[in-house]
Amino acid sequence: MKVSIVLGFFLLLFLTSFMPGEDPSFKGGSQGLRNFINENLIYPHYSRQNCIQGTIEVSFRLGSAGVVKEARVSRGFGIDLDDEALRLIKLTSRNWRIPVEYDTTSTITIPINFSLRNLNCWKSEAEVKAAIDAYKAQQFLSDAVVTYYENKDKGGYDEAAEQKIAQLKEQLGYNDEYIGRIIDQAKEKIEKGDKEGACLDLQFVKKIGSDRANKLINENCQGVN
């Protein structure tokens, strides 16, 4: 059984911005929104491996056609849980009923609570903080890898720099197993109808110097923002 299916049932979602009356409602109501999140959730690998749990708040606006706009994480950890919460909210686009007189400049905030308690995944507060700090530190190194390959694609090859980047990739764990995991995650998103999210993953694989995602990119990402 895929991890996302198992963990999806442990995600609790609370709505704080909706009152009866002239406010948007998700098609299927609150339970429909819970079901949608549960069915589409893919618990991020880093947070799952490090037992990172908690609430991520996503703020956004809704257009008259129920399209999610200006979505952003208003409160989060600065790690992959933030990315997943944001992806899920964007995925709800066009699944909202919008009253005729609704003010589309209004901001809606939805807190999404990610939980691994039912999987007996627990670490101390200090261990979780250390894992979060490590993730943020790795992001700077990851950006350096991406920047190198962007420059290389433009003709900026440097043999000495290539060796340093190879060492950096080894330090970050950007090996075949890691790349395979990212590609599998992208395939799962494609199966769930989220090509935009999948293509972000696939493009990342390409940006860190691997051609293993090229076929899937050509098949699924043409014209995808």
Protein backbone atom coordinates (compact mmCIF):
# COMPACT_ATOMS: atom_id res chain seq x y z
CA MET A 1 0.00 0.00 0.00
CA LYS A 2 1.32 3.39 -0.92
CA VAL A 3 2.37 5.64 1.95
CA SER A 4 0.20 8.53 0.82
CA ILE A 5 -2.93 6.40 1.04
CA VAL A 6 -2.12 5.23 4.55
CA LEU A 7 -1.17 8.63 5.89
CA GLY A 8 -4.00 10.45 4.19
CA PHE A 9 -6.49 9.19 6.73
CA PHE A 10 -4.45 10.67 9.58
CA LEU A 11 -4.58 14.21 8.26
CA LEU A 12 -7.05 16.44 10.10
CA LEU A 13 -8.33 19.57 8.43
CA PHE A 14 -9.97 22.48 10.20
CA LEU A 15 -11.79 25.38 8.59
CA THR A 16 -11.61 28.72 10.36
CA SER A 17 -12.70 31.14 7.67
CA PHE A 18 -16.16 29.88 6.79
CA MET A 19 -19.45 30.95 8.33
CA PRO A 20 -22.99 30.23 7.05
CA GLY A 21 -24.22 32.77 4.55
CA GLU A 22 -22.46 34.48 1.70
CA ASP A 23 -19.16 32.67 1.96
CA PRO A 24 -17.61 30.14 -0.44
CA SER A 25 -18.18 26.46 0.22
CA PHE A 26 -16.31 23.45 -1.03
CA LYS A 27 -18.30 21.16 -3.29
CA GLY A 28 -19.34 18.35 -0.99
CA GLY A 29 -19.03 20.50 2.11
CA SER A 30 -16.45 20.23 4.87
CA GLN A 31 -16.45 16.45 4.67
CA GLY A 32 -15.94 16.65 0.93
CA LEU A 33 -12.91 18.87 1.50
CA ARG A 34 -11.53 16.44 4.08
CA ASN A 35 -12.01 13.58 1.66
CA PHE A 36 -10.34 15.54 -1.15
CA ILE A 37 -7.31 16.29 1.02
CA ASN A 38 -7.11 12.70 2.26
CA GLU A 39 -7.25 11.28 -1.25
CA ASN A 40 -4.59 13.61 -2.63
CA LEU A 41 -2.18 13.86 0.28
CA ILE A 42 1.37 12.64 -0.27
CA TYR A 43 3.16 12.95 3.06
CA PRO A 44 6.59 14.43 2.25
CA HIS A 45 9.48 12.02 2.62
CA TYR A 46 11.80 14.20 4.71
CA SER A 47 9.15 15.10 7.26
CA ARG A 48 7.94 11.51 7.45
CA GLN A 49 11.47 10.17 7.95
CA ASN A 50 12.13 12.72 10.69
CA CYS A 51 8.72 12.46 12.39
CA ILE A 52 7.94 16.11 11.69
CA GLN A 53 4.28 16.88 12.32
CA GLY A 54 2.25 20.02 12.85
CA THR A 55 -0.10 22.57 11.40
CA ILE A 56 0.56 24.51 8.22
CA GLU A 57 -1.67 27.50 7.48
CA VAL A 58 -2.31 28.38 3.85
CA SER A 59 -3.93 31.66 2.86
CA PHE A 60 -5.48 32.26 -0.53
CA ARG A 61 -8.18 34.03 -2.49
CA LEU A 62 -10.94 32.60 -4.64
CA GLY A 63 -12.02 33.98 -8.00
CA SER A 64 -15.63 34.00 -9.15
CA ALA A 65 -15.12 30.63 -10.88
CA GLY A 66 -13.70 29.03 -7.74
CA VAL A 67 -10.11 29.25 -8.91
CA VAL A 68 -7.51 29.41 -6.13
CA LYS A 69 -5.39 32.54 -6.44
CA GLU A 70 -2.41 34.03 -4.58
CA ALA A 71 -1.97 30.94 -2.42
CA ARG A 72 0.85 31.19 0.08
CA VAL A 73 1.94 29.60 3.32
CA SER A 74 1.08 32.09 6.04
CA ARG A 75 2.43 29.95 8.86
CA GLY A 76 4.67 26.95 8.43
CA PHE A 77 8.02 25.35 9.13
CA GLY A 78 9.88 26.31 5.97
CA ILE A 79 10.22 22.66 4.91
CA ASP A 80 8.52 20.13 2.64
CA LEU A 81 5.31 20.08 4.72
CA ASP A 82 4.76 23.68 3.60
CA ASP A 83 5.11 22.68 -0.04
CA GLU A 84 2.62 19.84 0.33
CA ALA A 85 0.03 21.98 2.12
CA LEU A 86 0.33 24.63 -0.59
CA ARG A 87 0.05 22.02 -3.33
CA LEU A 88 -3.10 20.56 -1.81
CA ILE A 89 -4.82 23.93 -1.55
CA LYS A 90 -3.93 24.81 -5.14
CA LEU A 91 -5.36 21.46 -6.18
CA THR A 92 -8.78 22.44 -4.80
CA SER A 93 -9.07 25.06 -7.54
CA ARG A 94 -12.48 25.04 -9.30
CA ASN A 95 -13.97 22.84 -6.59
CA TRP A 96 -15.51 25.76 -4.72
CA ARG A 97 -19.00 27.23 -4.95
CA ILE A 98 -18.81 31.03 -4.98
CA PRO A 99 -21.84 33.18 -4.02
CA VAL A 100 -22.75 35.85 -6.56
CA GLU A 101 -21.99 38.73 -4.19
CA TYR A 102 -18.87 37.23 -2.66
CA ASP A 103 -15.93 39.64 -2.30
CA THR A 104 -13.16 37.93 -4.30
CA THR A 105 -10.54 40.15 -2.64
CA SER A 106 -11.20 38.40 0.68
CA THR A 107 -8.51 36.14 2.08
CA ILE A 108 -9.28 32.64 3.28
CA THR A 109 -6.97 30.76 5.63
CA ILE A 110 -7.09 27.00 6.07
CA PRO A 111 -4.92 25.27 8.68
CA ILE A 112 -3.89 21.73 7.73
CA ASN A 113 -2.63 19.48 10.49
CA PHE A 114 -0.20 16.76 9.44
CA SER A 115 0.00 13.90 11.93
CA LEU A 116 2.07 10.71 12.14
CA ARG A 117 0.99 9.68 15.63
CA ASN A 118 -0.90 6.63 14.45
CA LEU A 119 2.33 5.36 12.90
CA ASN A 120 4.17 5.66 16.22
CA CYS A 121 6.55 8.15 14.69
CA TRP A 122 7.81 10.45 17.42
CA LYS A 123 10.93 12.49 18.15
CA SER A 124 11.75 15.01 20.84
CA GLU A 125 11.20 18.71 20.27
CA ALA A 126 14.98 19.21 20.07
CA GLU A 127 15.35 16.45 17.47
CA VAL A 128 12.55 17.88 15.35
CA LYS A 129 14.04 21.37 15.53
CA ALA A 130 17.43 19.99 14.49
CA ALA A 131 15.82 18.21 11.52
CA ILE A 132 14.03 21.40 10.45
CA ASP A 133 17.26 23.42 10.74
CA ALA A 134 19.11 20.77 8.74
CA TYR A 135 16.49 20.90 5.98
CA LYS A 136 16.82 24.68 5.70
CA ALA A 137 20.62 24.43 5.61
CA GLN A 138 20.42 21.82 2.86
CA GLN A 139 18.24 24.14 0.80
CA PHE A 140 21.12 26.58 0.38
CA LEU A 141 23.35 23.75 -0.85
CA SER A 142 20.60 22.49 -3.12
CA ASP A 143 20.24 25.95 -4.65
CA ALA A 144 23.97 25.92 -5.42
CA VAL A 145 23.57 22.62 -7.30
CA VAL A 146 20.61 23.91 -9.29
CA THR A 147 22.41 27.15 -10.15
CA TYR A 148 25.45 25.24 -11.40
CA TYR A 149 23.43 23.09 -13.80
CA GLU A 150 21.45 26.10 -15.01
CA ASN A 151 24.74 27.77 -15.91
CA LYS A 152 26.04 24.55 -17.45
CA ASP A 153 22.99 24.37 -19.73
CA LYS A 154 23.94 27.85 -20.93
CA GLY A 155 27.45 26.69 -21.81
CA GLY A 156 29.16 27.45 -18.52
CA TYR A 157 30.93 24.12 -17.98
CA ASP A 158 33.78 24.10 -15.47
CA GLU A 159 35.56 20.80 -14.76
CA ALA A 160 36.81 21.88 -11.33
CA ALA A 161 33.36 23.15 -10.36
CA GLU A 162 31.81 19.95 -11.69
CA GLN A 163 33.86 17.91 -9.22
CA LYS A 164 32.82 20.16 -6.33
CA ILE A 165 29.16 19.88 -7.34
CA ALA A 166 29.48 16.08 -7.51
CA GLN A 167 30.80 16.11 -3.94
CA LEU A 168 27.99 18.44 -2.90
CA LYS A 169 25.38 16.14 -4.45
CA GLU A 170 26.87 13.21 -2.56
CA GLN A 171 26.69 15.22 0.66
CA LEU A 172 23.02 16.04 -0.02
CA GLY A 173 22.20 12.44 -0.83
CA TYR A 174 21.22 13.21 -4.43
CA ASN A 175 21.90 9.64 -5.53
CA ASP A 176 19.97 7.20 -7.72
CA GLU A 177 17.75 6.13 -4.83
CA TYR A 178 16.80 9.72 -4.04
CA ILE A 179 16.11 10.57 -7.68
CA GLY A 180 14.03 7.42 -8.04
CA ARG A 181 11.98 8.43 -5.02
CA ILE A 182 11.30 11.89 -6.48
CA ILE A 183 10.26 10.35 -9.81
CA ASP A 184 7.94 7.88 -8.05
CA GLN A 185 6.39 10.79 -6.17
CA ALA A 186 5.86 12.63 -9.44
CA LYS A 187 4.22 9.56 -10.98
CA GLU A 188 1.85 9.36 -8.03
CA LYS A 189 0.89 12.99 -8.52
CA ILE A 190 0.24 12.34 -12.21
CA GLU A 191 -2.04 9.44 -11.24
CA LYS A 192 -3.94 11.82 -8.95
CA GLY A 193 -4.34 14.34 -11.77
CA ASP A 194 -1.81 16.85 -10.46
CA LYS A 195 0.49 17.35 -13.44
CA GLU A 196 1.60 20.77 -12.24
CA GLY A 197 2.88 19.35 -8.95
CA ALA A 198 4.41 16.36 -10.74
CA CYS A 199 6.24 18.57 -13.22
CA LEU A 200 7.81 20.60 -10.42
CA ASP A 201 9.30 17.36 -9.09
CA LEU A 202 10.41 16.19 -12.52
CA GLN A 203 11.97 19.53 -13.37
CA PHE A 204 13.85 19.45 -10.08
CA VAL A 205 15.37 16.10 -11.05
CA LYS A 206 16.53 17.68 -14.30
CA LYS A 207 17.84 20.76 -12.50
CA ILE A 208 20.14 18.68 -10.30
CA GLY A 209 21.85 17.20 -13.34
CA SER A 210 19.93 13.98 -14.01
CA ASP A 211 18.27 13.01 -17.30
CA ARG A 212 16.15 10.24 -15.73
CA ALA A 213 13.02 12.38 -15.72
CA ASN A 214 13.33 13.67 -19.28
CA LYS A 215 10.93 11.14 -20.80
CA LEU A 216 8.21 11.92 -18.26
CA ILE A 217 8.81 15.65 -18.72
CA ASN A 218 8.32 15.33 -22.48
CA GLU A 219 5.18 13.25 -21.99
CA ASN A 220 3.50 15.33 -19.28
CA CYS A 221 4.97 18.80 -18.91
CA GLN A 222 4.58 20.48 -22.26
CA GLY A 223 2.56 23.62 -21.66
CA VAL A 224 2.25 22.97 -17.91
CA ASN A 225 3.03 26.02 -15.80
